[in-house]
Amino acid sequence: MTDRSHVTTHVLDSTIGRPAAGVPVILERDEVGNWVMIASAETDADGRVNALGPAQLHPGRYRVSFDTGVYFAEQEVKAFYPEVQIIFELADANAHYHVPLLLSPFAYSTYRGS
């Protein structure tokens, strides 16, 4: 069994009360004002990405971007937000960082998960 990545995510479509499968996700690190891509993936059938980059990352500022436009187009739903970007500080190199996204066509929410 492989280690899960240092950063994971879970996307739930709150309008239908189900996981959002097939959402493209990118993880980037802020390198002195320039965003450098670390990894990309797509949410699985349960709306999760457990392998988004390495098992260990250095402390710093990171960004997770979700291509919500692709997801909603697949659902044939018009949406206001074609992309959601979440910027966060990874302060503890030993802690796991779970960045969930609750999604609807006209709103989104996030929080520090476990």
PDB file of N, CA and C in Angstrom:
ATOM      1  N   MET A   1       0.848  -1.187   0.000  1.00  0.00           N
ATOM      2  CA  MET A   1       0.000   0.000   0.000  1.00  0.00           C
ATOM      3  C   MET A   1       0.885   1.239   0.000  1.00  0.00           C
ATOM      4  N   THR A   2       0.573   2.202  -0.860  1.00  0.00           N
ATOM      5  CA  THR A   2       1.363   3.420  -0.929  1.00  0.00           C
ATOM      6  C   THR A   2       0.848   4.424   0.082  1.00  0.00           C
ATOM      7  N   ASP A   3       1.738   5.318   0.518  1.00  0.00           N
ATOM      8  CA  ASP A   3       1.347   6.385   1.430  1.00  0.00           C
ATOM      9  C   ASP A   3       0.430   7.356   0.712  1.00  0.00           C
ATOM     10  N   ARG A   4      -0.522   7.908   1.457  1.00  0.00           N
ATOM     11  CA  ARG A   4      -1.343   8.963   0.860  1.00  0.00           C
ATOM     12  C   ARG A   4      -0.495  10.222   0.795  1.00  0.00           C
ATOM     13  N   SER A   5      -0.874  11.114  -0.065  1.00  0.00           N
ATOM     14  CA  SER A   5      -0.094  12.333  -0.230  1.00  0.00           C
ATOM     15  C   SER A   5      -0.292  13.253   0.979  1.00  0.00           C
ATOM     16  N   HIS A   6       0.608  14.180   1.134  1.00  0.00           N
ATOM     17  CA  HIS A   6       0.590  15.142   2.238  1.00  0.00           C
ATOM     18  C   HIS A   6      -0.683  15.984   2.199  1.00  0.00           C
ATOM     19  N   VAL A   7      -1.150  16.285   0.983  1.00  0.00           N
ATOM     20  CA  VAL A   7      -2.378  17.053   0.778  1.00  0.00           C
ATOM     21  C   VAL A   7      -3.375  16.161   0.044  1.00  0.00           C
ATOM     22  N   THR A   8      -4.585  16.070   0.581  1.00  0.00           N
ATOM     23  CA  THR A   8      -5.660  15.326  -0.072  1.00  0.00           C
ATOM     24  C   THR A   8      -6.888  16.232  -0.155  1.00  0.00           C
ATOM     25  N   THR A   9      -7.877  15.802  -0.932  1.00  0.00           N
ATOM     26  CA  THR A   9      -9.096  16.594  -1.062  1.00  0.00           C
ATOM     27  C   THR A   9     -10.298  15.682  -1.264  1.00  0.00           C
ATOM     28  N   HIS A  10     -11.454  16.266  -1.078  1.00  0.00           N
ATOM     29  CA  HIS A  10     -12.722  15.573  -1.274  1.00  0.00           C
ATOM     30  C   HIS A  10     -13.707  16.625  -1.761  1.00  0.00           C
ATOM     31  N   VAL A  11     -14.359  16.378  -2.893  1.00  0.00           N
ATOM     32  CA  VAL A  11     -15.304  17.353  -3.457  1.00  0.00           C
ATOM     33  C   VAL A  11     -16.706  16.752  -3.401  1.00  0.00           C
ATOM     34  N   LEU A  12     -17.613  17.504  -2.783  1.00  0.00           N
ATOM     35  CA  LEU A  12     -19.007  17.089  -2.689  1.00  0.00           C
ATOM     36  C   LEU A  12     -19.875  18.104  -3.412  1.00  0.00           C
ATOM     37  N   ASP A  13     -20.786  17.608  -4.237  1.00  0.00           N
ATOM     38  CA  ASP A  13     -21.733  18.466  -4.939  1.00  0.00           C
ATOM     39  C   ASP A  13     -22.954  18.596  -4.029  1.00  0.00           C
ATOM     40  N   SER A  14     -23.092  19.753  -3.377  1.00  0.00           N
ATOM     41  CA  SER A  14     -24.156  19.932  -2.390  1.00  0.00           C
ATOM     42  C   SER A  14     -25.541  20.072  -3.016  1.00  0.00           C
ATOM     43  N   THR A  15     -25.608  20.338  -4.316  1.00  0.00           N
ATOM     44  CA  THR A  15     -26.922  20.448  -4.958  1.00  0.00           C
ATOM     45  C   THR A  15     -27.577  19.094  -5.173  1.00  0.00           C
ATOM     46  N   ILE A  16     -26.759  18.063  -5.300  1.00  0.00           N
ATOM     47  CA  ILE A  16     -27.317  16.719  -5.494  1.00  0.00           C
ATOM     48  C   ILE A  16     -27.020  15.804  -4.307  1.00  0.00           C
ATOM     49  N   GLY A  17     -26.229  16.303  -3.348  1.00  0.00           N
ATOM     50  CA  GLY A  17     -25.920  15.515  -2.164  1.00  0.00           C
ATOM     51  C   GLY A  17     -25.066  14.299  -2.434  1.00  0.00           C
ATOM     52  N   ARG A  18     -24.145  14.433  -3.409  1.00  0.00           N
ATOM     53  CA  ARG A  18     -23.301  13.301  -3.797  1.00  0.00           C
ATOM     54  C   ARG A  18     -21.871  13.782  -4.056  1.00  0.00           C
ATOM     55  N   PRO A  19     -20.929  12.847  -4.063  1.00  0.00           N
ATOM     56  CA  PRO A  19     -19.555  13.201  -4.423  1.00  0.00           C
ATOM     57  C   PRO A  19     -19.478  13.729  -5.851  1.00  0.00           C
ATOM     58  N   ALA A  20     -18.546  14.620  -6.090  1.00  0.00           N
ATOM     59  CA  ALA A  20     -18.319  15.171  -7.431  1.00  0.00           C
ATOM     60  C   ALA A  20     -17.164  14.410  -8.078  1.00  0.00           C
ATOM     61  N   ALA A  21     -17.491  13.455  -8.910  1.00  0.00           N
ATOM     62  CA  ALA A  21     -16.485  12.647  -9.600  1.00  0.00           C
ATOM     63  C   ALA A  21     -16.023  13.354 -10.866  1.00  0.00           C
ATOM     64  N   GLY A  22     -14.748  13.186 -11.193  1.00  0.00           N
ATOM     65  CA  GLY A  22     -14.225  13.708 -12.450  1.00  0.00           C
ATOM     66  C   GLY A  22     -13.819  15.172 -12.429  1.00  0.00           C
ATOM     67  N   VAL A  23     -13.591  15.742 -11.249  1.00  0.00           N
ATOM     68  CA  VAL A  23     -13.148  17.140 -11.165  1.00  0.00           C
ATOM     69  C   VAL A  23     -11.620  17.176 -11.281  1.00  0.00           C
ATOM     70  N   PRO A  24     -11.068  17.865 -12.299  1.00  0.00           N
ATOM     71  CA  PRO A  24      -9.618  18.014 -12.381  1.00  0.00           C
ATOM     72  C   PRO A  24      -9.111  18.909 -11.243  1.00  0.00           C
ATOM     73  N   VAL A  25      -7.999  18.477 -10.607  1.00  0.00           N
ATOM     74  CA  VAL A  25      -7.435  19.172  -9.454  1.00  0.00           C
ATOM     75  C   VAL A  25      -5.938  19.352  -9.681  1.00  0.00           C
ATOM     76  N   ILE A  26      -5.429  20.539  -9.328  1.00  0.00           N
ATOM     77  CA  ILE A  26      -3.994  20.832  -9.434  1.00  0.00           C
ATOM     78  C   ILE A  26      -3.495  21.322  -8.087  1.00  0.00           C
ATOM     79  N   LEU A  27      -2.340  20.835  -7.656  1.00  0.00           N
ATOM     80  CA  LEU A  27      -1.658  21.312  -6.450  1.00  0.00           C
ATOM     81  C   LEU A  27      -0.419  22.080  -6.867  1.00  0.00           C
ATOM     82  N   GLU A  28      -0.278  23.303  -6.331  1.00  0.00           N
ATOM     83  CA  GLU A  28       0.876  24.150  -6.641  1.00  0.00           C
ATOM     84  C   GLU A  28       1.487  24.703  -5.364  1.00  0.00           C
ATOM     85  N   ARG A  29       2.761  25.082  -5.446  1.00  0.00           N
ATOM     86  CA  ARG A  29       3.479  25.712  -4.341  1.00  0.00           C
ATOM     87  C   ARG A  29       3.904  27.105  -4.772  1.00  0.00           C
ATOM     88  N   ASP A  30       3.808  28.053  -3.852  1.00  0.00           N
ATOM     89  CA  ASP A  30       4.246  29.425  -4.108  1.00  0.00           C
ATOM     90  C   ASP A  30       5.755  29.495  -3.938  1.00  0.00           C
ATOM     91  N   GLU A  31       6.444  29.758  -5.039  1.00  0.00           N
ATOM     92  CA  GLU A  31       7.907  29.900  -5.039  1.00  0.00           C
ATOM     93  C   GLU A  31       8.236  31.365  -5.314  1.00  0.00           C
ATOM     94  N   VAL A  32       8.302  32.162  -4.272  1.00  0.00           N
ATOM     95  CA  VAL A  32       8.630  33.589  -4.352  1.00  0.00           C
ATOM     96  C   VAL A  32       7.722  34.310  -5.357  1.00  0.00           C
ATOM     97  N   GLY A  33       6.422  34.128  -5.192  1.00  0.00           N
ATOM     98  CA  GLY A  33       5.453  34.816  -6.043  1.00  0.00           C
ATOM     99  C   GLY A  33       5.091  34.101  -7.326  1.00  0.00           C
ATOM    100  N   ASN A  34       5.715  32.980  -7.616  1.00  0.00           N
ATOM    101  CA  ASN A  34       5.395  32.187  -8.811  1.00  0.00           C
ATOM    102  C   ASN A  34       4.823  30.845  -8.375  1.00  0.00           C
ATOM    103  N   TRP A  35       3.670  30.493  -8.932  1.00  0.00           N
ATOM    104  CA  TRP A  35       3.057  29.207  -8.603  1.00  0.00           C
ATOM    105  C   TRP A  35       3.674  28.112  -9.466  1.00  0.00           C
ATOM    106  N   VAL A  36       4.198  27.075  -8.796  1.00  0.00           N
ATOM    107  CA  VAL A  36       4.848  25.949  -9.466  1.00  0.00           C
ATOM    108  C   VAL A  36       4.000  24.701  -9.231  1.00  0.00           C
ATOM    109  N   MET A  37       3.594  24.055 -10.328  1.00  0.00           N
ATOM    110  CA  MET A  37       2.759  22.863 -10.216  1.00  0.00           C
ATOM    111  C   MET A  37       3.542  21.700  -9.615  1.00  0.00           C
ATOM    112  N   ILE A  38       2.921  21.046  -8.651  1.00  0.00           N
ATOM    113  CA  ILE A  38       3.511  19.876  -7.997  1.00  0.00           C
ATOM    114  C   ILE A  38       2.854  18.607  -8.513  1.00  0.00           C
ATOM    115  N   ALA A  39       1.522  18.655  -8.664  1.00  0.00           N
ATOM    116  CA  ALA A  39       0.800  17.450  -9.075  1.00  0.00           C
ATOM    117  C   ALA A  39      -0.560  17.820  -9.632  1.00  0.00           C
ATOM    118  N   SER A  40      -1.133  16.886 -10.377  1.00  0.00           N
ATOM    119  CA  SER A  40      -2.506  17.035 -10.854  1.00  0.00           C
ATOM    120  C   SER A  40      -3.175  15.670 -10.773  1.00  0.00           C
ATOM    121  N   ALA A  41      -4.485  15.705 -10.637  1.00  0.00           N
ATOM    122  CA  ALA A  41      -5.258  14.465 -10.528  1.00  0.00           C
ATOM    123  C   ALA A  41      -6.708  14.778 -10.871  1.00  0.00           C
ATOM    124  N   GLU A  42      -7.546  13.781 -10.754  1.00  0.00           N
ATOM    125  CA  GLU A  42      -8.976  13.939 -10.977  1.00  0.00           C
ATOM    126  C   GLU A  42      -9.699  13.211  -9.851  1.00  0.00           C
ATOM    127  N   THR A  43     -10.772  13.802  -9.354  1.00  0.00           N
ATOM    128  CA  THR A  43     -11.507  13.149  -8.275  1.00  0.00           C
ATOM    129  C   THR A  43     -12.065  11.804  -8.744  1.00  0.00           C
ATOM    130  N   ASP A  44     -12.038  10.834  -7.844  1.00  0.00           N
ATOM    131  CA  ASP A  44     -12.532   9.498  -8.165  1.00  0.00           C
ATOM    132  C   ASP A  44     -14.054   9.438  -7.998  1.00  0.00           C
ATOM    133  N   ALA A  45     -14.626   8.261  -8.087  1.00  0.00           N
ATOM    134  CA  ALA A  45     -16.078   8.091  -7.999  1.00  0.00           C
ATOM    135  C   ALA A  45     -16.641   8.558  -6.667  1.00  0.00           C
ATOM    136  N   ASP A  46     -15.795   8.584  -5.624  1.00  0.00           N
ATOM    137  CA  ASP A  46     -16.214   9.059  -4.308  1.00  0.00           C
ATOM    138  C   ASP A  46     -15.872  10.537  -4.116  1.00  0.00           C
ATOM    139  N   GLY A  47     -15.431  11.215  -5.191  1.00  0.00           N
ATOM    140  CA  GLY A  47     -15.098  12.632  -5.118  1.00  0.00           C
ATOM    141  C   GLY A  47     -13.776  12.920  -4.432  1.00  0.00           C
ATOM    142  N   ARG A  48     -12.942  11.911  -4.255  1.00  0.00           N
ATOM    143  CA  ARG A  48     -11.695  12.061  -3.504  1.00  0.00           C
ATOM    144  C   ARG A  48     -10.457  12.032  -4.390  1.00  0.00           C
ATOM    145  N   VAL A  49      -9.426  12.713  -3.890  1.00  0.00           N
ATOM    146  CA  VAL A  49      -8.078  12.588  -4.448  1.00  0.00           C
ATOM    147  C   VAL A  49      -7.163  12.314  -3.263  1.00  0.00           C
ATOM    148  N   ASN A  50      -6.696  11.074  -3.169  1.00  0.00           N
ATOM    149  CA  ASN A  50      -5.783  10.691  -2.087  1.00  0.00           C
ATOM    150  C   ASN A  50      -4.324  10.715  -2.520  1.00  0.00           C
ATOM    151  N   ALA A  51      -4.082  10.834  -3.812  1.00  0.00           N
ATOM    152  CA  ALA A  51      -2.720  10.878  -4.339  1.00  0.00           C
ATOM    153  C   ALA A  51      -2.547  12.187  -5.103  1.00  0.00           C
ATOM    154  N   LEU A  52      -2.360  13.260  -4.351  1.00  0.00           N
ATOM    155  CA  LEU A  52      -2.153  14.583  -4.942  1.00  0.00           C
ATOM    156  C   LEU A  52      -0.788  15.090  -4.509  1.00  0.00           C
ATOM    157  N   GLY A  53       0.227  14.615  -5.176  1.00  0.00           N
ATOM    158  CA  GLY A  53       1.586  15.026  -4.835  1.00  0.00           C
ATOM    159  C   GLY A  53       2.247  14.037  -3.896  1.00  0.00           C
ATOM    160  N   PRO A  54       3.423  14.416  -3.405  1.00  0.00           N
ATOM    161  CA  PRO A  54       4.218  13.504  -2.586  1.00  0.00           C
ATOM    162  C   PRO A  54       3.653  13.323  -1.173  1.00  0.00           C
ATOM    163  N   ALA A  55       4.195  12.320  -0.478  1.00  0.00           N
ATOM    164  CA  ALA A  55       3.792  12.035   0.901  1.00  0.00           C
ATOM    165  C   ALA A  55       4.354  13.076   1.864  1.00  0.00           C
ATOM    166  N   GLN A  56       5.345  13.841   1.432  1.00  0.00           N
ATOM    167  CA  GLN A  56       5.965  14.849   2.305  1.00  0.00           C
ATOM    168  C   GLN A  56       6.210  16.129   1.516  1.00  0.00           C
ATOM    169  N   LEU A  57       5.797  17.256   2.085  1.00  0.00           N
ATOM    170  CA  LEU A  57       6.031  18.571   1.490  1.00  0.00           C
ATOM    171  C   LEU A  57       6.677  19.483   2.522  1.00  0.00           C
ATOM    172  N   HIS A  58       7.400  20.459   2.052  1.00  0.00           N
ATOM    173  CA  HIS A  58       8.005  21.451   2.939  1.00  0.00           C
ATOM    174  C   HIS A  58       6.956  22.481   3.337  1.00  0.00           C
ATOM    175  N   PRO A  59       7.096  23.061   4.527  1.00  0.00           N
ATOM    176  CA  PRO A  59       6.183  24.144   4.900  1.00  0.00           C
ATOM    177  C   PRO A  59       6.216  25.263   3.863  1.00  0.00           C
ATOM    178  N   GLY A  60       5.091  25.934   3.697  1.00  0.00           N
ATOM    179  CA  GLY A  60       4.998  27.022   2.735  1.00  0.00           C
ATOM    180  C   GLY A  60       3.569  27.276   2.335  1.00  0.00           C
ATOM    181  N   ARG A  61       3.403  28.120   1.345  1.00  0.00           N
ATOM    182  CA  ARG A  61       2.078  28.472   0.831  1.00  0.00           C
ATOM    183  C   ARG A  61       1.780  27.608  -0.387  1.00  0.00           C
ATOM    184  N   TYR A  62       0.592  27.000  -0.366  1.00  0.00           N
ATOM    185  CA  TYR A  62       0.166  26.094  -1.430  1.00  0.00           C
ATOM    186  C   TYR A  62      -1.197  26.521  -1.966  1.00  0.00           C
ATOM    187  N   ARG A  63      -1.505  26.056  -3.165  1.00  0.00           N
ATOM    188  CA  ARG A  63      -2.795  26.353  -3.791  1.00  0.00           C
ATOM    189  C   ARG A  63      -3.338  25.071  -4.422  1.00  0.00           C
ATOM    190  N   VAL A  64      -4.610  24.801  -4.147  1.00  0.00           N
ATOM    191  CA  VAL A  64      -5.319  23.711  -4.799  1.00  0.00           C
ATOM    192  C   VAL A  64      -6.354  24.354  -5.711  1.00  0.00           C
ATOM    193  N   SER A  65      -6.317  23.999  -6.996  1.00  0.00           N
ATOM    194  CA  SER A  65      -7.258  24.541  -7.985  1.00  0.00           C
ATOM    195  C   SER A  65      -8.153  23.415  -8.488  1.00  0.00           C
ATOM    196  N   PHE A  66      -9.448  23.716  -8.544  1.00  0.00           N
ATOM    197  CA  PHE A  66     -10.453  22.761  -8.991  1.00  0.00           C
ATOM    198  C   PHE A  66     -11.085  23.293 -10.272  1.00  0.00           C
ATOM    199  N   ASP A  67     -11.068  22.509 -11.343  1.00  0.00           N
ATOM    200  CA  ASP A  67     -11.691  22.908 -12.604  1.00  0.00           C
ATOM    201  C   ASP A  67     -13.168  22.539 -12.539  1.00  0.00           C
ATOM    202  N   THR A  68     -13.937  23.365 -11.858  1.00  0.00           N
ATOM    203  CA  THR A  68     -15.358  23.106 -11.662  1.00  0.00           C
ATOM    204  C   THR A  68     -16.145  23.275 -12.959  1.00  0.00           C
ATOM    205  N   GLY A  69     -15.622  24.062 -13.891  1.00  0.00           N
ATOM    206  CA  GLY A  69     -16.283  24.237 -15.186  1.00  0.00           C
ATOM    207  C   GLY A  69     -16.399  22.930 -15.937  1.00  0.00           C
ATOM    208  N   VAL A  70     -15.343  22.124 -15.918  1.00  0.00           N
ATOM    209  CA  VAL A  70     -15.361  20.815 -16.570  1.00  0.00           C
ATOM    210  C   VAL A  70     -16.410  19.920 -15.921  1.00  0.00           C
ATOM    211  N   TYR A  71     -16.434  19.911 -14.592  1.00  0.00           N
ATOM    212  CA  TYR A  71     -17.389  19.066 -13.872  1.00  0.00           C
ATOM    213  C   TYR A  71     -18.825  19.453 -14.202  1.00  0.00           C
ATOM    214  N   PHE A  72     -19.150  20.740 -14.094  1.00  0.00           N
ATOM    215  CA  PHE A  72     -20.527  21.157 -14.348  1.00  0.00           C
ATOM    216  C   PHE A  72     -20.922  20.991 -15.817  1.00  0.00           C
ATOM    217  N   ALA A  73     -19.986  21.178 -16.740  1.00  0.00           N
ATOM    218  CA  ALA A  73     -20.288  20.947 -18.164  1.00  0.00           C
ATOM    219  C   ALA A  73     -20.666  19.481 -18.386  1.00  0.00           C
ATOM    220  N   GLU A  74     -19.966  18.564 -17.716  1.00  0.00           N
ATOM    221  CA  GLU A  74     -20.293  17.138 -17.821  1.00  0.00           C
ATOM    222  C   GLU A  74     -21.691  16.846 -17.277  1.00  0.00           C
ATOM    223  N   GLN A  75     -22.112  17.629 -16.296  1.00  0.00           N
ATOM    224  CA  GLN A  75     -23.444  17.453 -15.695  1.00  0.00           C
ATOM    225  C   GLN A  75     -24.517  18.221 -16.468  1.00  0.00           C
ATOM    226  N   GLU A  76     -24.089  18.970 -17.498  1.00  0.00           N
ATOM    227  CA  GLU A  76     -24.974  19.838 -18.289  1.00  0.00           C
ATOM    228  C   GLU A  76     -25.669  20.868 -17.396  1.00  0.00           C
ATOM    229  N   VAL A  77     -24.861  21.473 -16.512  1.00  0.00           N
ATOM    230  CA  VAL A  77     -25.337  22.484 -15.573  1.00  0.00           C
ATOM    231  C   VAL A  77     -24.557  23.771 -15.820  1.00  0.00           C
ATOM    232  N   LYS A  78     -25.272  24.882 -15.937  1.00  0.00           N
ATOM    233  CA  LYS A  78     -24.610  26.177 -16.047  1.00  0.00           C
ATOM    234  C   LYS A  78     -24.178  26.603 -14.653  1.00  0.00           C
ATOM    235  N   ALA A  79     -22.932  27.047 -14.540  1.00  0.00           N
ATOM    236  CA  ALA A  79     -22.389  27.413 -13.233  1.00  0.00           C
ATOM    237  C   ALA A  79     -21.714  28.775 -13.307  1.00  0.00           C
ATOM    238  N   PHE A  80     -21.691  29.454 -12.192  1.00  0.00           N
ATOM    239  CA  PHE A  80     -21.096  30.788 -12.098  1.00  0.00           C
ATOM    240  C   PHE A  80     -19.580  30.730 -11.923  1.00  0.00           C
ATOM    241  N   TYR A  81     -19.089  29.740 -11.201  1.00  0.00           N
ATOM    242  CA  TYR A  81     -17.654  29.618 -10.908  1.00  0.00           C
ATOM    243  C   TYR A  81     -17.028  28.519 -11.763  1.00  0.00           C
ATOM    244  N   PRO A  82     -16.268  28.868 -12.806  1.00  0.00           N
ATOM    245  CA  PRO A  82     -15.642  27.847 -13.637  1.00  0.00           C
ATOM    246  C   PRO A  82     -14.401  27.233 -12.991  1.00  0.00           C
ATOM    247  N   GLU A  83     -13.892  27.896 -11.949  1.00  0.00           N
ATOM    248  CA  GLU A  83     -12.699  27.406 -11.254  1.00  0.00           C
ATOM    249  C   GLU A  83     -12.748  27.875  -9.812  1.00  0.00           C
ATOM    250  N   VAL A  84     -12.284  27.023  -8.913  1.00  0.00           N
ATOM    251  CA  VAL A  84     -12.156  27.376  -7.502  1.00  0.00           C
ATOM    252  C   VAL A  84     -10.705  27.174  -7.119  1.00  0.00           C
ATOM    253  N   GLN A  85     -10.104  28.204  -6.502  1.00  0.00           N
ATOM    254  CA  GLN A  85      -8.728  28.115  -6.022  1.00  0.00           C
ATOM    255  C   GLN A  85      -8.712  28.345  -4.526  1.00  0.00           C
ATOM    256  N   ILE A  86      -8.042  27.451  -3.810  1.00  0.00           N
ATOM    257  CA  ILE A  86      -7.926  27.551  -2.368  1.00  0.00           C
ATOM    258  C   ILE A  86      -6.444  27.652  -2.032  1.00  0.00           C
ATOM    259  N   ILE A  87      -6.068  28.757  -1.412  1.00  0.00           N
ATOM    260  CA  ILE A  87      -4.683  28.990  -1.004  1.00  0.00           C
ATOM    261  C   ILE A  87      -4.600  28.767   0.497  1.00  0.00           C
ATOM    262  N   PHE A  88      -3.591  28.031   0.929  1.00  0.00           N
ATOM    263  CA  PHE A  88      -3.452  27.732   2.356  1.00  0.00           C
ATOM    264  C   PHE A  88      -1.981  27.642   2.744  1.00  0.00           C
ATOM    265  N   GLU A  89      -1.733  27.753   4.040  1.00  0.00           N
ATOM    266  CA  GLU A  89      -0.382  27.636   4.590  1.00  0.00           C
ATOM    267  C   GLU A  89      -0.181  26.228   5.135  1.00  0.00           C
ATOM    268  N   LEU A  90       0.812  25.549   4.634  1.00  0.00           N
ATOM    269  CA  LEU A  90       1.217  24.267   5.180  1.00  0.00           C
ATOM    270  C   LEU A  90       2.318  24.588   6.183  1.00  0.00           C
ATOM    271  N   ALA A  91       1.971  24.602   7.458  1.00  0.00           N
ATOM    272  CA  ALA A  91       2.905  25.044   8.498  1.00  0.00           C
ATOM    273  C   ALA A  91       3.627  23.887   9.173  1.00  0.00           C
ATOM    274  N   ASP A  92       2.967  22.749   9.305  1.00  0.00           N
ATOM    275  CA  ASP A  92       3.513  21.599  10.013  1.00  0.00           C
ATOM    276  C   ASP A  92       3.863  20.508   9.007  1.00  0.00           C
ATOM    277  N   ALA A  93       5.150  20.292   8.818  1.00  0.00           N
ATOM    278  CA  ALA A  93       5.608  19.308   7.828  1.00  0.00           C
ATOM    279  C   ALA A  93       5.212  17.881   8.199  1.00  0.00           C
ATOM    280  N   ASN A  94       4.805  17.662   9.453  1.00  0.00           N
ATOM    281  CA  ASN A  94       4.437  16.318   9.897  1.00  0.00           C
ATOM    282  C   ASN A  94       2.930  16.073   9.897  1.00  0.00           C
ATOM    283  N   ALA A  95       2.149  17.109   9.683  1.00  0.00           N
ATOM    284  CA  ALA A  95       0.689  16.978   9.720  1.00  0.00           C
ATOM    285  C   ALA A  95       0.135  16.704   8.325  1.00  0.00           C
ATOM    286  N   HIS A  96      -0.988  16.011   8.292  1.00  0.00           N
ATOM    287  CA  HIS A  96      -1.693  15.784   7.041  1.00  0.00           C
ATOM    288  C   HIS A  96      -2.620  16.971   6.788  1.00  0.00           C
ATOM    289  N   TYR A  97      -2.740  17.395   5.536  1.00  0.00           N
ATOM    290  CA  TYR A  97      -3.598  18.518   5.161  1.00  0.00           C
ATOM    291  C   TYR A  97      -4.682  18.018   4.206  1.00  0.00           C
ATOM    292  N   HIS A  98      -5.920  18.070   4.682  1.00  0.00           N
ATOM    293  CA  HIS A  98      -7.076  17.663   3.878  1.00  0.00           C
ATOM    294  C   HIS A  98      -7.865  18.937   3.572  1.00  0.00           C
ATOM    295  N   VAL A  99      -8.073  19.208   2.275  1.00  0.00           N
ATOM    296  CA  VAL A  99      -8.722  20.445   1.831  1.00  0.00           C
ATOM    297  C   VAL A  99     -10.000  20.078   1.069  1.00  0.00           C
ATOM    298  N   PRO A 100     -11.129  19.942   1.776  1.00  0.00           N
ATOM    299  CA  PRO A 100     -12.392  19.589   1.125  1.00  0.00           C
ATOM    300  C   PRO A 100     -13.031  20.793   0.433  1.00  0.00           C
ATOM    301  N   LEU A 101     -13.881  20.489  -0.542  1.00  0.00           N
ATOM    302  CA  LEU A 101     -14.635  21.519  -1.255  1.00  0.00           C
ATOM    303  C   LEU A 101     -16.090  21.086  -1.325  1.00  0.00           C
ATOM    304  N   LEU A 102     -16.980  21.938  -0.814  1.00  0.00           N
ATOM    305  CA  LEU A 102     -18.425  21.750  -0.955  1.00  0.00           C
ATOM    306  C   LEU A 102     -18.849  22.651  -2.097  1.00  0.00           C
ATOM    307  N   LEU A 103     -19.489  22.092  -3.100  1.00  0.00           N
ATOM    308  CA  LEU A 103     -19.674  22.770  -4.371  1.00  0.00           C
ATOM    309  C   LEU A 103     -21.136  22.809  -4.786  1.00  0.00           C
ATOM    310  N   SER A 104     -21.528  23.932  -5.379  1.00  0.00           N
ATOM    311  CA  SER A 104     -22.809  24.045  -6.069  1.00  0.00           C
ATOM    312  C   SER A 104     -22.572  24.979  -7.254  1.00  0.00           C
ATOM    313  N   PRO A 105     -23.510  25.097  -8.182  1.00  0.00           N
ATOM    314  CA  PRO A 105     -23.274  25.934  -9.359  1.00  0.00           C
ATOM    315  C   PRO A 105     -23.064  27.422  -9.036  1.00  0.00           C
ATOM    316  N   PHE A 106     -23.556  27.889  -7.883  1.00  0.00           N
ATOM    317  CA  PHE A 106     -23.486  29.319  -7.579  1.00  0.00           C
ATOM    318  C   PHE A 106     -22.859  29.629  -6.239  1.00  0.00           C
ATOM    319  N   ALA A 107     -22.220  28.636  -5.619  1.00  0.00           N
ATOM    320  CA  ALA A 107     -21.559  28.863  -4.331  1.00  0.00           C
ATOM    321  C   ALA A 107     -20.572  27.734  -4.067  1.00  0.00           C
ATOM    322  N   TYR A 108     -19.618  28.007  -3.174  1.00  0.00           N
ATOM    323  CA  TYR A 108     -18.730  26.951  -2.703  1.00  0.00           C
ATOM    324  C   TYR A 108     -18.250  27.298  -1.306  1.00  0.00           C
ATOM    325  N   SER A 109     -17.784  26.279  -0.610  1.00  0.00           N
ATOM    326  CA  SER A 109     -17.287  26.433   0.742  1.00  0.00           C
ATOM    327  C   SER A 109     -16.150  25.437   0.950  1.00  0.00           C
ATOM    328  N   THR A 110     -15.257  25.769   1.862  1.00  0.00           N
ATOM    329  CA  THR A 110     -14.150  24.880   2.176  1.00  0.00           C
ATOM    330  C   THR A 110     -13.825  25.000   3.657  1.00  0.00           C
ATOM    331  N   TYR A 111     -13.010  24.087   4.153  1.00  0.00           N
ATOM    332  CA  TYR A 111     -12.588  24.111   5.540  1.00  0.00           C
ATOM    333  C   TYR A 111     -11.359  23.232   5.691  1.00  0.00           C
ATOM    334  N   ARG A 112     -10.686  23.314   6.812  1.00  0.00           N
ATOM    335  CA  ARG A 112      -9.542  22.440   7.084  1.00  0.00           C
ATOM    336  C   ARG A 112     -10.083  21.112   7.570  1.00  0.00           C
ATOM    337  N   GLY A 113      -9.951  20.096   6.763  1.00  0.00           N
ATOM    338  CA  GLY A 113     -10.454  18.771   7.113  1.00  0.00           C
ATOM    339  C   GLY A 113      -9.430  17.965   7.883  1.00  0.00           C
ATOM    340  N   SER A 114      -9.768  16.717   8.142  1.00  0.00           N
ATOM    341  CA  SER A 114      -8.854  15.852   8.887  1.00  0.00           C
ATOM    342  C   SER A 114      -8.593  14.563   8.106  1.00  0.00           C
TER     343      SER A 114
END
